[in-house]
N, C-alpha and C. Protein backbone atom coordinates (compact mmCIF):
# COMPACT_ATOMS: atom_id res chain seq x y z
N MET A 1 133.92 72.98 50.99
CA MET A 1 133.41 74.33 50.93
C MET A 1 132.06 74.40 51.64
N GLY A 2 131.82 75.43 52.43
CA GLY A 2 130.54 75.61 53.09
C GLY A 2 130.63 75.45 54.60
N ILE A 3 129.54 74.95 55.16
CA ILE A 3 129.43 74.79 56.60
C ILE A 3 130.21 73.56 57.05
N ARG A 4 131.04 73.72 58.08
CA ARG A 4 131.85 72.61 58.62
C ARG A 4 131.29 72.08 59.92
N PHE A 5 130.66 72.96 60.73
CA PHE A 5 130.04 72.49 61.98
C PHE A 5 129.05 73.52 62.48
N VAL A 6 128.11 73.04 63.30
CA VAL A 6 127.13 73.89 63.96
C VAL A 6 127.13 73.49 65.43
N LEU A 7 127.24 74.49 66.30
CA LEU A 7 127.23 74.25 67.74
C LEU A 7 126.15 75.11 68.38
N LEU A 8 125.42 74.54 69.30
CA LEU A 8 124.51 75.29 70.15
C LEU A 8 125.06 75.19 71.56
N VAL A 9 125.30 76.33 72.19
CA VAL A 9 125.97 76.39 73.48
C VAL A 9 125.18 77.32 74.39
N ASN A 10 125.04 76.95 75.67
CA ASN A 10 124.37 77.85 76.61
C ASN A 10 125.36 78.88 77.14
N LYS A 11 124.85 79.80 77.96
CA LYS A 11 125.70 80.89 78.48
C LYS A 11 126.80 80.40 79.40
N GLN A 12 126.66 79.22 79.96
CA GLN A 12 127.69 78.66 80.84
C GLN A 12 128.78 77.95 80.04
N GLY A 13 128.62 77.87 78.73
CA GLY A 13 129.62 77.24 77.89
C GLY A 13 129.41 75.75 77.66
N GLN A 14 128.26 75.24 78.08
CA GLN A 14 127.97 73.81 77.89
C GLN A 14 127.38 73.60 76.50
N THR A 15 127.93 72.65 75.78
CA THR A 15 127.44 72.35 74.43
C THR A 15 126.13 71.60 74.53
N ARG A 16 125.11 72.12 73.87
CA ARG A 16 123.79 71.50 73.85
C ARG A 16 123.58 70.68 72.59
N LEU A 17 124.24 71.07 71.51
CA LEU A 17 124.16 70.33 70.25
C LEU A 17 125.44 70.57 69.48
N ALA A 18 125.99 69.53 68.90
CA ALA A 18 127.19 69.65 68.07
C ALA A 18 126.97 68.79 66.82
N GLN A 19 126.97 69.43 65.68
CA GLN A 19 126.82 68.72 64.41
C GLN A 19 128.02 69.06 63.53
N TYR A 20 128.76 68.04 63.11
CA TYR A 20 129.95 68.23 62.28
C TYR A 20 129.70 67.68 60.89
N TYR A 21 130.20 68.39 59.89
CA TYR A 21 130.05 67.98 58.50
C TYR A 21 131.38 67.62 57.87
N GLU A 22 132.38 67.38 58.69
CA GLU A 22 133.66 66.84 58.28
C GLU A 22 134.16 65.97 59.42
N HIS A 23 135.03 65.01 59.09
CA HIS A 23 135.49 64.09 60.12
C HIS A 23 136.52 64.74 61.03
N LEU A 24 136.24 64.69 62.32
CA LEU A 24 137.18 65.09 63.36
C LEU A 24 137.08 64.04 64.47
N SER A 25 138.21 63.68 65.04
CA SER A 25 138.18 62.72 66.15
C SER A 25 137.49 63.37 67.35
N LEU A 26 137.09 62.56 68.30
CA LEU A 26 136.40 63.06 69.48
C LEU A 26 137.28 64.04 70.26
N ASP A 27 138.57 63.74 70.36
CA ASP A 27 139.48 64.66 71.05
C ASP A 27 139.62 65.98 70.32
N GLU A 28 139.68 65.93 68.98
CA GLU A 28 139.76 67.16 68.19
C GLU A 28 138.50 67.99 68.36
N ARG A 29 137.35 67.32 68.39
CA ARG A 29 136.08 68.03 68.58
C ARG A 29 136.03 68.72 69.94
N ARG A 30 136.41 68.01 70.97
CA ARG A 30 136.40 68.60 72.32
C ARG A 30 137.30 69.82 72.40
N ALA A 31 138.51 69.69 71.84
CA ALA A 31 139.46 70.81 71.88
C ALA A 31 138.93 71.99 71.07
N LEU A 32 138.41 71.72 69.89
CA LEU A 32 137.88 72.78 69.03
C LEU A 32 136.70 73.48 69.70
N GLU A 33 135.77 72.71 70.24
CA GLU A 33 134.62 73.29 70.92
C GLU A 33 135.05 74.16 72.10
N GLY A 34 135.96 73.65 72.91
CA GLY A 34 136.41 74.41 74.08
C GLY A 34 137.04 75.73 73.68
N GLU A 35 137.91 75.71 72.68
CA GLU A 35 138.59 76.93 72.23
C GLU A 35 137.60 77.94 71.66
N ILE A 36 136.72 77.47 70.80
CA ILE A 36 135.78 78.37 70.14
C ILE A 36 134.77 78.94 71.12
N VAL A 37 134.25 78.10 71.99
CA VAL A 37 133.26 78.57 72.96
C VAL A 37 133.87 79.61 73.88
N ARG A 38 135.07 79.38 74.38
CA ARG A 38 135.72 80.38 75.25
C ARG A 38 135.94 81.69 74.50
N LYS A 39 136.37 81.59 73.26
CA LYS A 39 136.64 82.79 72.47
C LYS A 39 135.36 83.59 72.20
N CYS A 40 134.29 82.91 71.83
CA CYS A 40 133.05 83.61 71.48
C CYS A 40 132.31 84.15 72.70
N LEU A 41 132.26 83.38 73.79
CA LEU A 41 131.56 83.84 74.98
C LEU A 41 132.27 84.98 75.68
N ALA A 42 133.57 85.12 75.45
CA ALA A 42 134.33 86.20 76.08
C ALA A 42 134.14 87.54 75.35
N ARG A 43 133.55 87.51 74.17
CA ARG A 43 133.38 88.74 73.40
C ARG A 43 132.18 89.53 73.90
N THR A 44 132.22 90.85 73.75
CA THR A 44 131.13 91.71 74.19
C THR A 44 130.09 91.86 73.08
N ASP A 45 128.94 92.42 73.45
CA ASP A 45 127.88 92.64 72.46
C ASP A 45 128.28 93.68 71.42
N GLN A 46 129.23 94.54 71.74
CA GLN A 46 129.66 95.58 70.81
C GLN A 46 130.63 95.04 69.75
N GLN A 47 131.18 93.87 69.94
CA GLN A 47 132.10 93.30 68.97
C GLN A 47 131.31 92.55 67.89
N CYS A 48 131.92 92.43 66.70
CA CYS A 48 131.23 91.76 65.60
C CYS A 48 131.07 90.27 65.90
N SER A 49 130.23 89.62 65.14
CA SER A 49 129.89 88.22 65.37
C SER A 49 130.69 87.26 64.50
N PHE A 50 131.85 87.67 64.04
CA PHE A 50 132.70 86.83 63.21
C PHE A 50 134.06 86.69 63.88
N VAL A 51 134.56 85.47 63.97
CA VAL A 51 135.85 85.20 64.58
C VAL A 51 136.59 84.21 63.69
N GLU A 52 137.86 84.45 63.45
CA GLU A 52 138.66 83.47 62.73
C GLU A 52 139.38 82.60 63.74
N HIS A 53 139.30 81.30 63.53
CA HIS A 53 139.92 80.35 64.44
C HIS A 53 140.44 79.17 63.63
N ARG A 54 141.72 78.89 63.79
CA ARG A 54 142.39 77.86 63.00
C ARG A 54 142.12 78.12 61.52
N ASN A 55 141.58 77.13 60.82
CA ASN A 55 141.29 77.35 59.40
C ASN A 55 139.80 77.56 59.16
N TYR A 56 139.08 77.99 60.20
CA TYR A 56 137.64 78.25 60.11
C TYR A 56 137.34 79.73 60.34
N LYS A 57 136.23 80.13 59.81
CA LYS A 57 135.62 81.39 60.18
C LYS A 57 134.40 81.01 60.99
N VAL A 58 134.28 81.50 62.21
CA VAL A 58 133.17 81.16 63.09
C VAL A 58 132.22 82.36 63.12
N VAL A 59 130.98 82.10 62.77
CA VAL A 59 129.93 83.11 62.80
C VAL A 59 128.98 82.69 63.91
N TYR A 60 128.67 83.62 64.81
CA TYR A 60 127.82 83.24 65.94
C TYR A 60 126.78 84.30 66.22
N ARG A 61 125.72 83.88 66.89
CA ARG A 61 124.66 84.80 67.27
C ARG A 61 124.01 84.27 68.54
N ARG A 62 123.65 85.18 69.41
CA ARG A 62 123.02 84.79 70.67
C ARG A 62 121.52 85.02 70.58
N TYR A 63 120.76 84.01 70.98
CA TYR A 63 119.31 84.10 71.11
C TYR A 63 118.97 83.65 72.52
N ALA A 64 118.44 84.57 73.31
CA ALA A 64 118.10 84.30 74.71
C ALA A 64 119.33 83.74 75.42
N SER A 65 119.27 82.51 75.90
CA SER A 65 120.41 81.96 76.64
C SER A 65 121.23 80.98 75.81
N LEU A 66 120.97 80.91 74.50
CA LEU A 66 121.72 80.02 73.62
C LEU A 66 122.57 80.79 72.62
N PHE A 67 123.77 80.29 72.40
CA PHE A 67 124.64 80.80 71.34
C PHE A 67 124.62 79.79 70.20
N PHE A 68 124.40 80.27 69.00
CA PHE A 68 124.46 79.45 67.79
C PHE A 68 125.79 79.78 67.12
N LEU A 69 126.67 78.80 67.02
CA LEU A 69 127.99 78.99 66.41
C LEU A 69 128.09 78.12 65.16
N VAL A 70 128.48 78.74 64.05
CA VAL A 70 128.60 78.01 62.80
C VAL A 70 130.02 78.20 62.27
N GLY A 71 130.71 77.11 62.06
CA GLY A 71 132.06 77.15 61.50
C GLY A 71 132.01 76.93 60.01
N VAL A 72 132.60 77.85 59.26
CA VAL A 72 132.55 77.79 57.80
C VAL A 72 133.96 77.98 57.23
N ASP A 73 134.09 77.76 55.93
CA ASP A 73 135.34 78.04 55.24
C ASP A 73 135.59 79.54 55.23
N ASN A 74 136.84 79.93 55.06
CA ASN A 74 137.20 81.35 55.10
C ASN A 74 136.60 82.16 53.97
N ASP A 75 136.23 81.53 52.88
CA ASP A 75 135.67 82.29 51.75
C ASP A 75 134.14 82.38 51.79
N GLU A 76 133.52 81.89 52.85
CA GLU A 76 132.06 81.93 52.98
C GLU A 76 131.60 83.32 53.39
N ASN A 77 130.40 83.70 52.97
CA ASN A 77 129.81 85.00 53.26
C ASN A 77 129.24 85.00 54.69
N GLU A 78 129.77 85.87 55.55
CA GLU A 78 129.37 85.92 56.95
C GLU A 78 127.90 86.31 57.11
N LEU A 79 127.44 87.26 56.30
CA LEU A 79 126.06 87.72 56.43
C LEU A 79 125.08 86.62 56.01
N ALA A 80 125.45 85.82 55.03
CA ALA A 80 124.60 84.70 54.63
C ALA A 80 124.50 83.68 55.76
N ILE A 81 125.59 83.47 56.49
CA ILE A 81 125.57 82.53 57.61
C ILE A 81 124.74 83.09 58.77
N LEU A 82 124.82 84.38 59.02
CA LEU A 82 123.96 84.99 60.04
C LEU A 82 122.49 84.80 59.66
N GLU A 83 122.19 84.95 58.38
CA GLU A 83 120.82 84.74 57.90
C GLU A 83 120.40 83.28 58.07
N PHE A 84 121.33 82.35 57.82
CA PHE A 84 121.06 80.92 58.03
C PHE A 84 120.73 80.64 59.50
N ILE A 85 121.52 81.23 60.40
CA ILE A 85 121.27 81.05 61.84
C ILE A 85 119.87 81.57 62.19
N HIS A 86 119.54 82.74 61.68
CA HIS A 86 118.23 83.33 61.97
C HIS A 86 117.11 82.44 61.42
N LEU A 87 117.30 81.92 60.22
CA LEU A 87 116.31 81.02 59.62
C LEU A 87 116.14 79.76 60.46
N LEU A 88 117.24 79.22 60.95
CA LEU A 88 117.20 78.03 61.80
C LEU A 88 116.39 78.30 63.07
N VAL A 89 116.64 79.44 63.71
CA VAL A 89 115.93 79.78 64.94
C VAL A 89 114.45 80.03 64.66
N GLU A 90 114.13 80.76 63.59
CA GLU A 90 112.73 81.01 63.24
C GLU A 90 111.98 79.72 62.95
N THR A 91 112.62 78.81 62.24
CA THR A 91 111.99 77.54 61.90
C THR A 91 111.71 76.72 63.16
N MET A 92 112.66 76.67 64.06
CA MET A 92 112.46 75.94 65.31
C MET A 92 111.36 76.59 66.15
N ASP A 93 111.32 77.92 66.18
CA ASP A 93 110.28 78.62 66.93
C ASP A 93 108.89 78.31 66.37
N ARG A 94 108.77 78.32 65.05
CA ARG A 94 107.46 78.06 64.44
C ARG A 94 106.97 76.64 64.68
N HIS A 95 107.87 75.68 64.60
CA HIS A 95 107.47 74.29 64.69
C HIS A 95 107.43 73.75 66.11
N PHE A 96 108.31 74.24 66.98
CA PHE A 96 108.44 73.63 68.29
C PHE A 96 108.19 74.59 69.44
N GLY A 97 107.84 75.82 69.17
CA GLY A 97 107.67 76.80 70.24
C GLY A 97 109.00 77.48 70.55
N ASN A 98 109.18 77.90 71.76
CA ASN A 98 110.37 78.64 72.18
C ASN A 98 111.63 77.79 71.97
N VAL A 99 112.56 78.30 71.17
CA VAL A 99 113.77 77.55 70.82
C VAL A 99 114.62 77.23 72.05
N VAL A 100 114.59 78.06 73.05
CA VAL A 100 115.41 77.85 74.23
C VAL A 100 114.94 76.62 75.01
N SER A 101 113.65 76.34 74.97
CA SER A 101 113.14 75.18 75.72
C SER A 101 112.99 73.94 74.84
N SER A 102 113.36 74.02 73.57
CA SER A 102 113.25 72.86 72.68
C SER A 102 114.23 71.79 73.09
N ASN A 103 113.84 70.53 72.85
CA ASN A 103 114.76 69.46 73.18
C ASN A 103 115.66 69.14 72.00
N THR A 104 116.75 68.46 72.26
CA THR A 104 117.79 68.22 71.27
C THR A 104 117.32 67.45 70.04
N PRO A 105 116.50 66.39 70.13
CA PRO A 105 116.08 65.70 68.91
C PRO A 105 115.34 66.60 67.93
N MET A 106 114.51 67.52 68.44
CA MET A 106 113.80 68.44 67.56
C MET A 106 114.79 69.38 66.86
N ILE A 107 115.75 69.89 67.61
CA ILE A 107 116.76 70.78 67.03
C ILE A 107 117.56 70.03 65.99
N GLN A 108 117.96 68.81 66.29
CA GLN A 108 118.74 68.00 65.36
C GLN A 108 117.98 67.77 64.06
N TYR A 109 116.70 67.42 64.15
CA TYR A 109 115.89 67.18 62.96
C TYR A 109 115.79 68.44 62.10
N CYS A 110 115.53 69.56 62.73
CA CYS A 110 115.38 70.82 62.03
C CYS A 110 116.69 71.22 61.36
N GLU A 111 117.79 71.07 62.04
CA GLU A 111 119.10 71.42 61.49
C GLU A 111 119.44 70.54 60.29
N ASP A 112 119.20 69.24 60.39
CA ASP A 112 119.50 68.33 59.30
C ASP A 112 118.65 68.64 58.07
N THR A 113 117.43 69.10 58.28
CA THR A 113 116.54 69.43 57.18
C THR A 113 117.02 70.67 56.43
N LEU A 114 117.57 71.64 57.17
CA LEU A 114 117.99 72.90 56.54
C LEU A 114 119.35 72.84 55.90
N THR A 115 120.24 71.94 56.31
CA THR A 115 121.59 71.91 55.75
C THR A 115 121.74 70.87 54.66
């Protein structure tokens, strides 16, 4: 129950950070990331930020040139996850400056602390 994975992806679809909280093989992770990233990046700004994919609910939000994607169980509250994403971005901004220019180890540390 809860958060299953967190992905940070740029506008070109390249994964900048991938953190999983359940075991998936490397091939499963690649396939899942590719499917979810294509699905979320193809959506317009007028569409909602929640997508159901496989047995996950994916909640995402764009900040500057980064997309924050969080995969959760289907019974998780979408608005709470959007708030979590916002808290993650605010925390990184306060501690490390502009989140878009932050390096991966800082993002990883901050994410591990909040989850």
